[in-house]
Amino acid sequence: MNIFSCNISDKFQRQKKEYRDEKKRVTAQLVSALQDPTVVVMADWLKVRGTLRKWVRYFCVLKPGLLIIYKKNKTTKHGHWVGTILLSTCEVIERPSKKDGFCFKLYQLYFIIFYGNATL
């Protein structure tokens, strides 16, 4: 019985180590992709409705897993960073619209709601 439990314990320890190593590898890949300025899915202006129901234009950069929001165009020296949304923590709802483009709503953790209306 003791030999059997050692084999299970060793196998479990190997699985845990392989899992940790794979997690580190994937995390390193993701971090390098997010930090690489050349990895951009799309970058354009987006009309955003805040909690006061007022629409404001922000310059947004869509990267794999992230939506980075700036007050001004990021390519200028004074592109002030407003915030970053982790898309893996959001639920996206597309809303029907009669106007050109499309409208969507992002439900984020902590009940912060982000509305967007754009041609992005």
Protein backbone atom coordinates (compact mmCIF):
# COMPACT_ATOMS: atom_id res chain seq x y z
CA MET A 1 0.00 0.00 0.00
CA ASN A 2 2.86 2.37 0.78
CA ILE A 3 4.46 1.90 -2.68
CA PHE A 4 1.09 2.57 -4.33
CA SER A 5 0.59 5.83 -2.44
CA CYS A 6 4.16 6.94 -3.30
CA ASN A 7 3.48 6.39 -7.01
CA ILE A 8 0.28 8.42 -6.82
CA SER A 9 2.02 11.16 -4.86
CA ASP A 10 4.92 11.30 -7.34
CA LYS A 11 2.54 11.38 -10.28
CA PHE A 12 0.52 14.15 -8.64
CA GLN A 13 3.68 16.19 -7.93
CA ARG A 14 4.81 15.81 -11.57
CA GLN A 15 1.38 16.93 -12.81
CA LYS A 16 1.48 19.97 -10.52
CA LYS A 17 4.96 20.89 -11.76
CA GLU A 18 3.95 20.48 -15.42
CA TYR A 19 0.87 22.63 -14.80
CA ARG A 20 2.94 25.39 -13.14
CA ASP A 21 5.52 25.30 -15.94
CA GLU A 22 2.83 25.49 -18.64
CA LYS A 23 1.08 28.32 -16.80
CA LYS A 24 4.36 30.27 -16.59
CA ARG A 25 5.02 29.70 -20.30
CA VAL A 26 1.55 30.87 -21.36
CA THR A 27 1.70 33.87 -19.01
CA ALA A 28 5.08 34.89 -20.42
CA GLN A 29 3.72 34.60 -23.97
CA LEU A 30 0.69 36.71 -23.11
CA VAL A 31 2.73 39.37 -21.32
CA SER A 32 5.17 39.64 -24.23
CA ALA A 33 2.28 39.91 -26.71
CA LEU A 34 0.58 42.60 -24.64
CA GLN A 35 3.75 44.61 -24.15
CA ASP A 36 4.74 44.38 -27.81
CA PRO A 37 3.51 47.61 -29.44
CA THR A 38 3.26 45.90 -32.83
CA VAL A 39 0.54 43.47 -31.65
CA VAL A 40 -2.58 45.58 -32.19
CA VAL A 41 -5.82 44.13 -33.52
CA MET A 42 -7.37 47.55 -34.14
CA ALA A 43 -6.95 51.15 -33.02
CA ASP A 44 -9.56 53.85 -33.64
CA TRP A 45 -11.90 56.35 -32.02
CA LEU A 46 -14.82 55.02 -30.00
CA LYS A 47 -17.81 56.87 -28.59
CA VAL A 48 -18.22 55.79 -24.98
CA ARG A 49 -21.22 56.41 -22.76
CA GLY A 50 -20.33 56.77 -19.11
CA THR A 51 -22.44 56.39 -16.01
CA LEU A 52 -23.97 59.86 -16.51
CA ARG A 53 -25.26 58.79 -19.95
CA LYS A 54 -23.06 61.31 -21.73
CA TRP A 55 -21.24 60.20 -24.89
CA VAL A 56 -17.51 60.99 -25.07
CA ARG A 57 -14.97 60.09 -27.78
CA TYR A 58 -11.93 58.10 -26.69
CA PHE A 59 -9.07 56.64 -28.67
CA CYS A 60 -9.08 52.87 -28.09
CA VAL A 61 -6.46 50.25 -28.85
CA LEU A 62 -7.71 46.68 -29.10
CA LYS A 63 -5.07 44.08 -28.27
CA PRO A 64 -5.53 40.36 -27.67
CA GLY A 65 -7.44 40.25 -24.38
CA LEU A 66 -7.27 44.01 -23.68
CA LEU A 67 -9.04 47.22 -24.61
CA ILE A 68 -6.81 50.19 -23.76
CA ILE A 69 -8.53 53.59 -23.61
CA TYR A 70 -6.84 56.97 -24.15
CA LYS A 71 -8.25 60.49 -24.01
CA LYS A 72 -6.33 61.51 -27.12
CA ASN A 73 -4.69 59.64 -29.97
CA LYS A 74 -2.01 57.36 -28.55
CA THR A 75 0.43 58.26 -31.32
CA THR A 76 0.67 61.84 -30.06
CA LYS A 77 2.95 62.69 -27.16
CA HIS A 78 0.03 63.64 -24.95
CA GLY A 79 -2.20 60.57 -25.40
CA HIS A 80 -3.44 60.38 -21.82
CA TRP A 81 -4.25 56.87 -20.66
CA VAL A 82 -7.77 56.58 -19.21
CA GLY A 83 -8.03 52.90 -18.44
CA THR A 84 -7.63 49.28 -19.47
CA ILE A 85 -10.39 46.70 -19.71
CA LEU A 86 -9.52 43.02 -19.43
CA LEU A 87 -11.81 41.45 -22.00
CA SER A 88 -11.60 38.03 -20.37
CA THR A 89 -13.52 39.44 -17.38
CA CYS A 90 -16.25 41.01 -19.52
CA GLU A 91 -19.45 39.91 -21.14
CA VAL A 92 -20.22 41.57 -24.48
CA ILE A 93 -23.79 42.26 -25.55
CA GLU A 94 -24.39 43.58 -29.05
CA ARG A 95 -27.33 45.96 -29.18
CA PRO A 96 -29.42 46.45 -32.31
CA SER A 97 -29.04 49.90 -33.82
CA LYS A 98 -30.74 51.71 -36.70
CA LYS A 99 -27.66 53.87 -37.31
CA ASP A 100 -24.45 52.95 -39.14
CA GLY A 101 -21.92 50.92 -37.21
CA PHE A 102 -22.93 48.93 -34.20
CA CYS A 103 -23.50 49.40 -30.50
CA PHE A 104 -22.31 47.10 -27.76
CA LYS A 105 -22.27 46.92 -24.00
CA LEU A 106 -19.46 45.50 -21.86
CA TYR A 107 -20.39 44.11 -18.47
CA GLN A 108 -17.25 44.07 -16.38
CA LEU A 109 -16.52 42.75 -12.90
CA TYR A 110 -17.64 44.93 -10.01
CA PHE A 111 -20.75 45.91 -12.01
CA ILE A 112 -19.01 48.61 -14.04
CA ILE A 113 -20.89 48.95 -17.33
CA PHE A 114 -19.12 50.28 -20.41
CA TYR A 115 -21.19 51.30 -23.44
CA GLY A 116 -19.66 51.75 -26.85
CA ASN A 117 -21.01 53.00 -30.14
CA ALA A 118 -18.53 52.84 -32.96
CA THR A 119 -17.44 51.44 -36.26
CA LEU A 120 -14.58 49.63 -34.53
